[in-house]
PDB file of N, CA and C in Angstrom:
ATOM      1  N   UNK A   1       8.262 -28.537   4.804  1.00  0.00           N
ATOM      2  CA  UNK A   1       8.365 -27.153   4.395  1.00  0.00           C
ATOM      3  C   UNK A   1       9.616 -26.538   5.024  1.00  0.00           C
ATOM      4  N   UNK A   2      10.319 -25.753   4.229  1.00  0.00           N
ATOM      5  CA  UNK A   2      11.536 -25.079   4.673  1.00  0.00           C
ATOM      6  C   UNK A   2      11.241 -23.588   4.784  1.00  0.00           C
ATOM      7  N   UNK A   3      11.582 -22.994   5.933  1.00  0.00           N
ATOM      8  CA  UNK A   3      11.436 -21.548   6.106  1.00  0.00           C
ATOM      9  C   UNK A   3      12.815 -20.912   6.030  1.00  0.00           C
ATOM     10  N   UNK A   4      12.938 -19.917   5.173  1.00  0.00           N
ATOM     11  CA  UNK A   4      14.177 -19.151   5.042  1.00  0.00           C
ATOM     12  C   UNK A   4      13.816 -17.701   5.322  1.00  0.00           C
ATOM     13  N   UNK A   5      14.324 -17.166   6.422  1.00  0.00           N
ATOM     14  CA  UNK A   5      14.052 -15.787   6.800  1.00  0.00           C
ATOM     15  C   UNK A   5      15.379 -15.078   7.017  1.00  0.00           C
ATOM     16  N   UNK A   6      15.539 -13.916   6.400  1.00  0.00           N
ATOM     17  CA  UNK A   6      16.785 -13.189   6.579  1.00  0.00           C
ATOM     18  C   UNK A   6      16.601 -11.714   6.241  1.00  0.00           C
ATOM     19  N   UNK A   7      17.504 -10.909   6.788  1.00  0.00           N
ATOM     20  CA  UNK A   7      17.549  -9.476   6.529  1.00  0.00           C
ATOM     21  C   UNK A   7      18.835  -9.185   5.774  1.00  0.00           C
ATOM     22  N   UNK A   8      18.751  -8.287   4.806  1.00  0.00           N
ATOM     23  CA  UNK A   8      19.943  -7.886   4.055  1.00  0.00           C
ATOM     24  C   UNK A   8      19.792  -6.442   3.598  1.00  0.00           C
ATOM     25  N   UNK A   9      20.893  -5.853   3.206  1.00  0.00           N
ATOM     26  CA  UNK A   9      20.878  -4.508   2.636  1.00  0.00           C
ATOM     27  C   UNK A   9      21.321  -4.626   1.185  1.00  0.00           C
ATOM     28  N   UNK A  10      20.513  -4.071   0.300  1.00  0.00           N
ATOM     29  CA  UNK A  10      20.818  -4.110  -1.131  1.00  0.00           C
ATOM     30  C   UNK A  10      20.515  -2.766  -1.767  1.00  0.00           C
ATOM     31  N   UNK A  11      21.129  -2.541  -2.915  1.00  0.00           N
ATOM     32  CA  UNK A  11      20.928  -1.290  -3.650  1.00  0.00           C
ATOM     33  C   UNK A  11      19.729  -1.429  -4.585  1.00  0.00           C
ATOM     34  N   UNK A  12      18.857  -0.437  -4.543  1.00  0.00           N
ATOM     35  CA  UNK A  12      17.712  -0.395  -5.460  1.00  0.00           C
ATOM     36  C   UNK A  12      18.233   0.033  -6.833  1.00  0.00           C
ATOM     37  N   UNK A  13      17.859  -0.742  -7.859  1.00  0.00           N
ATOM     38  CA  UNK A  13      18.305  -0.412  -9.209  1.00  0.00           C
ATOM     39  C   UNK A  13      17.135  -0.456 -10.178  1.00  0.00           C
ATOM     40  N   UNK A  14      17.327   0.190 -11.302  1.00  0.00           N
ATOM     41  CA  UNK A  14      16.263   0.391 -12.273  1.00  0.00           C
ATOM     42  C   UNK A  14      16.510  -0.464 -13.507  1.00  0.00           C
ATOM     43  N   UNK A  15      15.477  -1.181 -13.934  1.00  0.00           N
ATOM     44  CA  UNK A  15      15.519  -1.936 -15.185  1.00  0.00           C
ATOM     45  C   UNK A  15      14.520  -1.290 -16.125  1.00  0.00           C
ATOM     46  N   UNK A  16      14.962  -1.022 -17.333  1.00  0.00           N
ATOM     47  CA  UNK A  16      14.064  -0.443 -18.319  1.00  0.00           C
ATOM     48  C   UNK A  16      13.976  -1.360 -19.517  1.00  0.00           C
ATOM     49  N   UNK A  17      12.788  -1.637 -19.909  1.00  0.00           N
ATOM     50  CA  UNK A  17      12.506  -2.483 -21.059  1.00  0.00           C
ATOM     51  C   UNK A  17      11.089  -2.127 -21.452  1.00  0.00           C
ATOM     52  N   UNK A  18      10.218  -3.123 -21.452  1.00  0.00           N
ATOM     53  CA  UNK A  18       8.784  -2.836 -21.610  1.00  0.00           C
ATOM     54  C   UNK A  18       8.309  -2.343 -20.259  1.00  0.00           C
ATOM     55  N   UNK A  19       8.418  -1.076 -20.029  1.00  0.00           N
ATOM     56  CA  UNK A  19       8.097  -0.503 -18.725  1.00  0.00           C
ATOM     57  C   UNK A  19       9.374  -0.310 -17.925  1.00  0.00           C
ATOM     58  N   UNK A  20       9.226   0.304 -16.781  1.00  0.00           N
ATOM     59  CA  UNK A  20      10.351   0.556 -15.884  1.00  0.00           C
ATOM     60  C   UNK A  20      10.078  -0.158 -14.576  1.00  0.00           C
ATOM     61  N   UNK A  21      11.057  -0.915 -14.097  1.00  0.00           N
ATOM     62  CA  UNK A  21      10.896  -1.687 -12.873  1.00  0.00           C
ATOM     63  C   UNK A  21      12.068  -1.406 -11.946  1.00  0.00           C
ATOM     64  N   UNK A  22      11.791  -1.370 -10.648  1.00  0.00           N
ATOM     65  CA  UNK A  22      12.818  -1.216  -9.628  1.00  0.00           C
ATOM     66  C   UNK A  22      13.022  -2.569  -8.946  1.00  0.00           C
ATOM     67  N   UNK A  23      14.286  -2.941  -8.738  1.00  0.00           N
ATOM     68  CA  UNK A  23      14.628  -4.211  -8.112  1.00  0.00           C
ATOM     69  C   UNK A  23      15.706  -4.022  -7.058  1.00  0.00           C
ATOM     70  N   UNK A  24      15.814  -5.020  -6.188  1.00  0.00           N
ATOM     71  CA  UNK A  24      16.938  -5.155  -5.270  1.00  0.00           C
ATOM     72  C   UNK A  24      17.447  -6.581  -5.445  1.00  0.00           C
ATOM     73  N   UNK A  25      18.759  -6.722  -5.618  1.00  0.00           N
ATOM     74  CA  UNK A  25      19.369  -8.034  -5.807  1.00  0.00           C
ATOM     75  C   UNK A  25      19.644  -8.675  -4.456  1.00  0.00           C
ATOM     76  N   UNK A  26      19.210  -9.921  -4.297  1.00  0.00           N
ATOM     77  CA  UNK A  26      19.470 -10.671  -3.064  1.00  0.00           C
ATOM     78  C   UNK A  26      20.940 -11.074  -3.001  1.00  0.00           C
ATOM     79  N   UNK A  27      21.454 -11.300  -1.779  1.00  0.00           N
ATOM     80  CA  UNK A  27      22.836 -11.774  -1.647  1.00  0.00           C
ATOM     81  C   UNK A  27      23.006 -13.119  -2.359  1.00  0.00           C
ATOM     82  N   UNK A  28      24.177 -13.326  -2.934  1.00  0.00           N
ATOM     83  CA  UNK A  28      24.429 -14.536  -3.707  1.00  0.00           C
ATOM     84  C   UNK A  28      24.324 -15.799  -2.852  1.00  0.00           C
ATOM     85  N   UNK A  29      24.826 -15.766  -1.598  1.00  0.00           N
ATOM     86  CA  UNK A  29      24.762 -16.972  -0.762  1.00  0.00           C
ATOM     87  C   UNK A  29      23.324 -17.355  -0.449  1.00  0.00           C
ATOM     88  N   UNK A  30      22.473 -16.368  -0.181  1.00  0.00           N
ATOM     89  CA  UNK A  30      21.060 -16.668   0.091  1.00  0.00           C
ATOM     90  C   UNK A  30      20.352 -17.122  -1.181  1.00  0.00           C
ATOM     91  N   UNK A  31      20.728 -16.542  -2.316  1.00  0.00           N
ATOM     92  CA  UNK A  31      20.151 -16.962  -3.595  1.00  0.00           C
ATOM     93  C   UNK A  31      20.470 -18.432  -3.866  1.00  0.00           C
ATOM     94  N   UNK A  32      21.705 -18.840  -3.578  1.00  0.00           N
ATOM     95  CA  UNK A  32      22.091 -20.242  -3.775  1.00  0.00           C
ATOM     96  C   UNK A  32      21.286 -21.163  -2.864  1.00  0.00           C
ATOM     97  N   UNK A  33      21.062 -20.735  -1.628  1.00  0.00           N
ATOM     98  CA  UNK A  33      20.269 -21.535  -0.679  1.00  0.00           C
ATOM     99  C   UNK A  33      18.829 -21.679  -1.178  1.00  0.00           C
ATOM    100  N   UNK A  34      18.240 -20.579  -1.610  1.00  0.00           N
ATOM    101  CA  UNK A  34      16.863 -20.605  -2.117  1.00  0.00           C
ATOM    102  C   UNK A  34      16.779 -21.505  -3.349  1.00  0.00           C
ATOM    103  N   UNK A  35      17.735 -21.361  -4.267  1.00  0.00           N
ATOM    104  CA  UNK A  35      17.744 -22.180  -5.479  1.00  0.00           C
ATOM    105  C   UNK A  35      17.878 -23.661  -5.140  1.00  0.00           C
ATOM    106  N   UNK A  36      18.752 -23.991  -4.187  1.00  0.00           N
ATOM    107  CA  UNK A  36      18.931 -25.386  -3.791  1.00  0.00           C
ATOM    108  C   UNK A  36      17.604 -25.994  -3.343  1.00  0.00           C
ATOM    109  N   UNK A  37      16.902 -25.313  -2.444  1.00  0.00           N
ATOM    110  CA  UNK A  37      15.657 -25.876  -1.922  1.00  0.00           C
ATOM    111  C   UNK A  37      14.543 -25.875  -2.964  1.00  0.00           C
ATOM    112  N   UNK A  38      14.459 -24.837  -3.791  1.00  0.00           N
ATOM    113  CA  UNK A  38      13.395 -24.822  -4.803  1.00  0.00           C
ATOM    114  C   UNK A  38      13.684 -25.826  -5.920  1.00  0.00           C
ATOM    115  N   UNK A  39      14.966 -26.026  -6.277  1.00  0.00           N
ATOM    116  CA  UNK A  39      15.322 -27.006  -7.314  1.00  0.00           C
ATOM    117  C   UNK A  39      15.104 -28.442  -6.856  1.00  0.00           C
ATOM    118  N   UNK A  40      15.170 -28.673  -5.566  1.00  0.00           N
ATOM    119  CA  UNK A  40      14.991 -30.024  -5.051  1.00  0.00           C
ATOM    120  C   UNK A  40      13.533 -30.311  -4.687  1.00  0.00           C
ATOM    121  N   UNK A  41      12.644 -29.526  -5.287  1.00  0.00           N
ATOM    122  CA  UNK A  41      11.199 -29.764  -5.219  1.00  0.00           C
ATOM    123  C   UNK A  41      10.625 -29.728  -3.807  1.00  0.00           C
ATOM    124  N   UNK A  42      11.232 -28.933  -2.947  1.00  0.00           N
ATOM    125  CA  UNK A  42      10.620 -28.738  -1.631  1.00  0.00           C
ATOM    126  C   UNK A  42       9.408 -27.830  -1.757  1.00  0.00           C
ATOM    127  N   UNK A  43       9.343 -27.079  -2.829  1.00  0.00           N
ATOM    128  CA  UNK A  43       8.217 -26.179  -3.060  1.00  0.00           C
ATOM    129  C   UNK A  43       7.790 -26.286  -4.511  1.00  0.00           C
ATOM    130  N   UNK A  44       6.660 -25.719  -4.832  1.00  0.00           N
ATOM    131  CA  UNK A  44       6.186 -25.740  -6.206  1.00  0.00           C
ATOM    132  C   UNK A  44       6.919 -24.656  -6.996  1.00  0.00           C
ATOM    133  N   UNK A  45       7.441 -25.053  -8.154  1.00  0.00           N
ATOM    134  CA  UNK A  45       8.098 -24.079  -9.035  1.00  0.00           C
ATOM    135  C   UNK A  45       7.006 -23.271  -9.717  1.00  0.00           C
ATOM    136  N   UNK A  46       7.272 -21.994  -9.855  1.00  0.00           N
ATOM    137  CA  UNK A  46       6.316 -21.100 -10.485  1.00  0.00           C
ATOM    138  C   UNK A  46       6.921 -20.589 -11.795  1.00  0.00           C
ATOM    139  N   UNK A  47       6.164 -19.798 -12.524  1.00  0.00           N
ATOM    140  CA  UNK A  47       6.631 -19.254 -13.790  1.00  0.00           C
ATOM    141  C   UNK A  47       7.960 -18.526 -13.665  1.00  0.00           C
ATOM    142  N   UNK A  48       8.829 -18.716 -14.643  1.00  0.00           N
ATOM    143  CA  UNK A  48      10.162 -18.099 -14.718  1.00  0.00           C
ATOM    144  C   UNK A  48      11.039 -18.470 -13.534  1.00  0.00           C
ATOM    145  N   UNK A  49      10.716 -19.545 -12.824  1.00  0.00           N
ATOM    146  CA  UNK A  49      11.524 -19.950 -11.677  1.00  0.00           C
ATOM    147  C   UNK A  49      11.310 -19.094 -10.443  1.00  0.00           C
ATOM    148  N   UNK A  50      10.198 -18.349 -10.422  1.00  0.00           N
ATOM    149  CA  UNK A  50       9.939 -17.434  -9.307  1.00  0.00           C
ATOM    150  C   UNK A  50       9.611 -18.191  -8.019  1.00  0.00           C
ATOM    151  N   UNK A  51       9.832 -17.516  -6.905  1.00  0.00           N
ATOM    152  CA  UNK A  51       9.555 -18.060  -5.580  1.00  0.00           C
ATOM    153  C   UNK A  51       8.746 -17.018  -4.812  1.00  0.00           C
ATOM    154  N   UNK A  52       7.621 -17.437  -4.232  1.00  0.00           N
ATOM    155  CA  UNK A  52       6.772 -16.521  -3.451  1.00  0.00           C
ATOM    156  C   UNK A  52       7.472 -16.133  -2.154  1.00  0.00           C
ATOM    157  N   UNK A  53       7.361 -14.840  -1.785  1.00  0.00           N
ATOM    158  CA  UNK A  53       7.983 -14.332  -0.560  1.00  0.00           C
ATOM    159  C   UNK A  53       7.076 -13.304   0.100  1.00  0.00           C
ATOM    160  N   UNK A  54       7.352 -13.054   1.365  1.00  0.00           N
ATOM    161  CA  UNK A  54       6.800 -11.910   2.074  1.00  0.00           C
ATOM    162  C   UNK A  54       7.968 -10.966   2.299  1.00  0.00           C
ATOM    163  N   UNK A  55       7.836  -9.725   1.843  1.00  0.00           N
ATOM    164  CA  UNK A  55       8.909  -8.742   1.959  1.00  0.00           C
ATOM    165  C   UNK A  55       8.496  -7.640   2.922  1.00  0.00           C
ATOM    166  N   UNK A  56       9.489  -7.109   3.641  1.00  0.00           N
ATOM    167  CA  UNK A  56       9.251  -6.032   4.602  1.00  0.00           C
ATOM    168  C   UNK A  56      10.373  -5.009   4.440  1.00  0.00           C
ATOM    169  N   UNK A  57       9.985  -3.792   4.098  1.00  0.00           N
ATOM    170  CA  UNK A  57      10.927  -2.677   4.034  1.00  0.00           C
ATOM    171  C   UNK A  57      10.358  -1.566   4.910  1.00  0.00           C
ATOM    172  N   UNK A  58      11.075  -1.240   5.972  1.00  0.00           N
ATOM    173  CA  UNK A  58      10.666  -0.137   6.848  1.00  0.00           C
ATOM    174  C   UNK A  58       9.293  -0.295   7.458  1.00  0.00           C
ATOM    175  N   UNK A  59       8.839  -1.536   7.638  1.00  0.00           N
ATOM    176  CA  UNK A  59       7.512  -1.778   8.208  1.00  0.00           C
ATOM    177  C   UNK A  59       6.414  -1.924   7.167  1.00  0.00           C
ATOM    178  N   UNK A  60       6.734  -1.683   5.908  1.00  0.00           N
ATOM    179  CA  UNK A  60       5.779  -1.917   4.819  1.00  0.00           C
ATOM    180  C   UNK A  60       5.961  -3.354   4.361  1.00  0.00           C
ATOM    181  N   UNK A  61       4.912  -4.154   4.538  1.00  0.00           N
ATOM    182  CA  UNK A  61       4.960  -5.589   4.249  1.00  0.00           C
ATOM    183  C   UNK A  61       4.062  -5.881   3.051  1.00  0.00           C
ATOM    184  N   UNK A  62       4.576  -6.698   2.125  1.00  0.00           N
ATOM    185  CA  UNK A  62       3.747  -7.114   0.996  1.00  0.00           C
ATOM    186  C   UNK A  62       4.170  -8.488   0.519  1.00  0.00           C
ATOM    187  N   UNK A  63       3.250  -9.153  -0.171  1.00  0.00           N
ATOM    188  CA  UNK A  63       3.499 -10.472  -0.754  1.00  0.00           C
ATOM    189  C   UNK A  63       3.891 -10.268  -2.211  1.00  0.00           C
ATOM    190  N   UNK A  64       4.930 -10.955  -2.641  1.00  0.00           N
ATOM    191  CA  UNK A  64       5.408 -10.823  -4.010  1.00  0.00           C
ATOM    192  C   UNK A  64       6.184 -12.079  -4.375  1.00  0.00           C
ATOM    193  N   UNK A  65       6.932 -12.039  -5.443  1.00  0.00           N
ATOM    194  CA  UNK A  65       7.794 -13.139  -5.856  1.00  0.00           C
ATOM    195  C   UNK A  65       9.182 -12.596  -6.146  1.00  0.00           C
ATOM    196  N   UNK A  66      10.194 -13.434  -5.924  1.00  0.00           N
ATOM    197  CA  UNK A  66      11.539 -13.121  -6.365  1.00  0.00           C
ATOM    198  C   UNK A  66      11.805 -13.938  -7.611  1.00  0.00           C
ATOM    199  N   UNK A  67      12.699 -13.434  -8.468  1.00  0.00           N
ATOM    200  CA  UNK A  67      12.961 -14.066  -9.753  1.00  0.00           C
ATOM    201  C   UNK A  67      14.453 -14.312  -9.915  1.00  0.00           C
ATOM    202  N   UNK A  68      14.831 -15.462 -10.484  1.00  0.00           N
ATOM    203  CA  UNK A  68      16.259 -15.699 -10.716  1.00  0.00           C
ATOM    204  C   UNK A  68      16.763 -14.853 -11.881  1.00  0.00           C
ATOM    205  N   UNK A  69      17.949 -14.284 -11.717  1.00  0.00           N
ATOM    206  CA  UNK A  69      18.605 -13.545 -12.787  1.00  0.00           C
ATOM    207  C   UNK A  69      19.877 -14.306 -13.152  1.00  0.00           C
ATOM    208  N   UNK A  70      19.922 -14.833 -14.348  1.00  0.00           N
ATOM    209  CA  UNK A  70      21.100 -15.571 -14.793  1.00  0.00           C
ATOM    210  C   UNK A  70      22.328 -14.682 -14.879  1.00  0.00           C
ATOM    211  N   UNK A  71      22.154 -13.447 -15.343  1.00  0.00           N
ATOM    212  CA  UNK A  71      23.310 -12.563 -15.507  1.00  0.00           C
ATOM    213  C   UNK A  71      23.884 -12.129 -14.157  1.00  0.00           C
ATOM    214  N   UNK A  72      23.037 -12.013 -13.135  1.00  0.00           N
ATOM    215  CA  UNK A  72      23.501 -11.614 -11.803  1.00  0.00           C
ATOM    216  C   UNK A  72      23.832 -12.817 -10.924  1.00  0.00           C
ATOM    217  N   UNK A  73      23.401 -14.004 -11.366  1.00  0.00           N
ATOM    218  CA  UNK A  73      23.562 -15.231 -10.584  1.00  0.00           C
ATOM    219  C   UNK A  73      22.984 -15.083  -9.184  1.00  0.00           C
ATOM    220  N   UNK A  74      21.814 -14.453  -9.119  1.00  0.00           N
ATOM    221  CA  UNK A  74      21.123 -14.215  -7.848  1.00  0.00           C
ATOM    222  C   UNK A  74      19.650 -13.974  -8.151  1.00  0.00           C
ATOM    223  N   UNK A  75      18.837 -14.045  -7.107  1.00  0.00           N
ATOM    224  CA  UNK A  75      17.430 -13.678  -7.242  1.00  0.00           C
ATOM    225  C   UNK A  75      17.307 -12.163  -7.142  1.00  0.00           C
ATOM    226  N   UNK A  76      16.253 -11.629  -7.763  1.00  0.00           N
ATOM    227  CA  UNK A  76      15.965 -10.203  -7.676  1.00  0.00           C
ATOM    228  C   UNK A  76      14.550 -10.001  -7.138  1.00  0.00           C
ATOM    229  N   UNK A  77      14.410  -8.963  -6.321  1.00  0.00           N
ATOM    230  CA  UNK A  77      13.143  -8.623  -5.676  1.00  0.00           C
ATOM    231  C   UNK A  77      12.582  -7.361  -6.310  1.00  0.00           C
ATOM    232  N   UNK A  78      11.394  -7.440  -6.950  1.00  0.00           N
ATOM    233  CA  UNK A  78      10.782  -6.226  -7.493  1.00  0.00           C
ATOM    234  C   UNK A  78      10.198  -5.386  -6.356  1.00  0.00           C
ATOM    235  N   UNK A  79      10.373  -4.071  -6.451  1.00  0.00           N
ATOM    236  CA  UNK A  79       9.851  -3.153  -5.428  1.00  0.00           C
ATOM    237  C   UNK A  79       8.715  -2.357  -6.051  1.00  0.00           C
ATOM    238  N   UNK A  80       7.498  -2.570  -5.543  1.00  0.00           N
ATOM    239  CA  UNK A  80       6.308  -1.904  -6.074  1.00  0.00           C
ATOM    240  C   UNK A  80       6.394  -0.391  -5.865  1.00  0.00           C
ATOM    241  N   UNK A  81       5.750   0.345  -6.764  1.00  0.00           N
ATOM    242  CA  UNK A  81       5.715   1.814  -6.670  1.00  0.00           C
ATOM    243  C   UNK A  81       5.137   2.259  -5.335  1.00  0.00           C
ATOM    244  N   UNK A  82       4.099   1.583  -4.867  1.00  0.00           N
ATOM    245  CA  UNK A  82       3.462   1.935  -3.595  1.00  0.00           C
ATOM    246  C   UNK A  82       4.471   1.872  -2.439  1.00  0.00           C
ATOM    247  N   UNK A  83       5.291   0.836  -2.427  1.00  0.00           N
ATOM    248  CA  UNK A  83       6.299   0.666  -1.376  1.00  0.00           C
ATOM    249  C   UNK A  83       7.377   1.736  -1.522  1.00  0.00           C
ATOM    250  N   UNK A  84       7.850   1.970  -2.746  1.00  0.00           N
ATOM    251  CA  UNK A  84       8.884   2.985  -2.977  1.00  0.00           C
ATOM    252  C   UNK A  84       8.415   4.362  -2.528  1.00  0.00           C
ATOM    253  N   UNK A  85       7.181   4.704  -2.845  1.00  0.00           N
ATOM    254  CA  UNK A  85       6.653   6.015  -2.453  1.00  0.00           C
ATOM    255  C   UNK A  85       6.528   6.124  -0.939  1.00  0.00           C
ATOM    256  N   UNK A  86       5.961   5.098  -0.315  1.00  0.00           N
ATOM    257  CA  UNK A  86       5.758   5.124   1.138  1.00  0.00           C
ATOM    258  C   UNK A  86       7.082   5.207   1.890  1.00  0.00           C
ATOM    259  N   UNK A  87       8.104   4.497   1.410  1.00  0.00           N
ATOM    260  CA  UNK A  87       9.407   4.446   2.089  1.00  0.00           C
ATOM    261  C   UNK A  87      10.424   5.423   1.486  1.00  0.00           C
ATOM    262  N   UNK A  88       9.978   6.210   0.495  1.00  0.00           N
ATOM    263  CA  UNK A  88      10.843   7.220  -0.158  1.00  0.00           C
ATOM    264  C   UNK A  88      12.122   6.596  -0.720  1.00  0.00           C
ATOM    265  N   UNK A  89      11.943   5.528  -1.487  1.00  0.00           N
ATOM    266  CA  UNK A  89      13.061   4.807  -2.092  1.00  0.00           C
ATOM    267  C   UNK A  89      13.190   5.223  -3.553  1.00  0.00           C
ATOM    268  N   UNK A  90      14.422   5.520  -3.960  1.00  0.00           N
ATOM    269  CA  UNK A  90      14.707   5.805  -5.367  1.00  0.00           C
ATOM    270  C   UNK A  90      15.879   4.928  -5.800  1.00  0.00           C
ATOM    271  N   UNK A  91      16.037   4.784  -7.111  1.00  0.00           N
ATOM    272  CA  UNK A  91      17.151   4.005  -7.644  1.00  0.00           C
ATOM    273  C   UNK A  91      18.459   4.552  -7.089  1.00  0.00           C
ATOM    274  N   UNK A  92      19.325   3.640  -6.655  1.00  0.00           N
ATOM    275  CA  UNK A  92      20.612   4.021  -6.076  1.00  0.00           C
ATOM    276  C   UNK A  92      20.632   3.974  -4.563  1.00  0.00           C
ATOM    277  N   UNK A  93      19.453   3.935  -3.935  1.00  0.00           N
ATOM    278  CA  UNK A  93      19.378   3.875  -2.469  1.00  0.00           C
ATOM    279  C   UNK A  93      19.764   2.493  -1.962  1.00  0.00           C
ATOM    280  N   UNK A  94      20.480   2.456  -0.824  1.00  0.00           N
ATOM    281  CA  UNK A  94      20.699   1.205  -0.112  1.00  0.00           C
ATOM    282  C   UNK A  94      19.476   0.965   0.767  1.00  0.00           C
ATOM    283  N   UNK A  95      18.901  -0.230   0.681  1.00  0.00           N
ATOM    284  CA  UNK A  95      17.631  -0.528   1.343  1.00  0.00           C
ATOM    285  C   UNK A  95      17.774  -1.787   2.195  1.00  0.00           C
ATOM    286  N   UNK A  96      17.274  -1.725   3.436  1.00  0.00           N
ATOM    287  CA  UNK A  96      17.246  -2.905   4.287  1.00  0.00           C
ATOM    288  C   UNK A  96      15.956  -3.654   4.060  1.00  0.00           C
ATOM    289  N   UNK A  97      16.082  -4.946   3.781  1.00  0.00           N
ATOM    290  CA  UNK A  97      14.941  -5.787   3.434  1.00  0.00           C
ATOM    291  C   UNK A  97      14.896  -6.999   4.357  1.00  0.00           C
ATOM    292  N   UNK A  98      13.709  -7.319   4.864  1.00  0.00           N
ATOM    293  CA  UNK A  98      13.479  -8.571   5.570  1.00  0.00           C
ATOM    294  C   UNK A  98      12.645  -9.443   4.649  1.00  0.00           C
ATOM    295  N   UNK A  99      13.172 -10.625   4.305  1.00  0.00           N
ATOM    296  CA  UNK A  99      12.438 -11.571   3.448  1.00  0.00           C
ATOM    297  C   UNK A  99      12.062 -12.798   4.247  1.00  0.00           C
ATOM    298  N   UNK A 100      10.849 -13.279   4.028  1.00  0.00           N
ATOM    299  CA  UNK A 100      10.365 -14.518   4.630  1.00  0.00           C
ATOM    300  C   UNK A 100       9.907 -15.403   3.487  1.00  0.00           C
ATOM    301  N   UNK A 101      10.492 -16.597   3.439  1.00  0.00           N
ATOM    302  CA  UNK A 101      10.211 -17.519   2.339  1.00  0.00           C
ATOM    303  C   UNK A 101       9.869 -18.882   2.918  1.00  0.00           C
ATOM    304  N   UNK A 102       8.779 -19.456   2.443  1.00  0.00           N
ATOM    305  CA  UNK A 102       8.426 -20.831   2.807  1.00  0.00           C
ATOM    306  C   UNK A 102       8.437 -21.644   1.532  1.00  0.00           C
ATOM    307  N   UNK A 103       9.351 -22.611   1.478  1.00  0.00           N
ATOM    308  CA  UNK A 103       9.484 -23.446   0.272  1.00  0.00           C
ATOM    309  C   UNK A 103       9.028 -24.851   0.619  1.00  0.00           C
TER     310      UNK A 103
END
């Protein structure tokens, strides 16, 4: 098992389609590292290439998945409404995120 733990600052952005979703894009270098380990079958691949993570923003911790974005060439982290409300996050905010991933 490979553990990848890191902190980064990313901008919260809004995706609108079937519903409205808030995301933060992971750094490209960390996305490449995650993709390398998940592609080499160190972990079980999930739907849409997602990877399970534990996320922490401002002390609010939750379990979720990150998803690969081909257009961004990076993984994206969805931010639940509950977390956004508790941490007062809106689209356009720079947010510090601690991610813990076991692949």
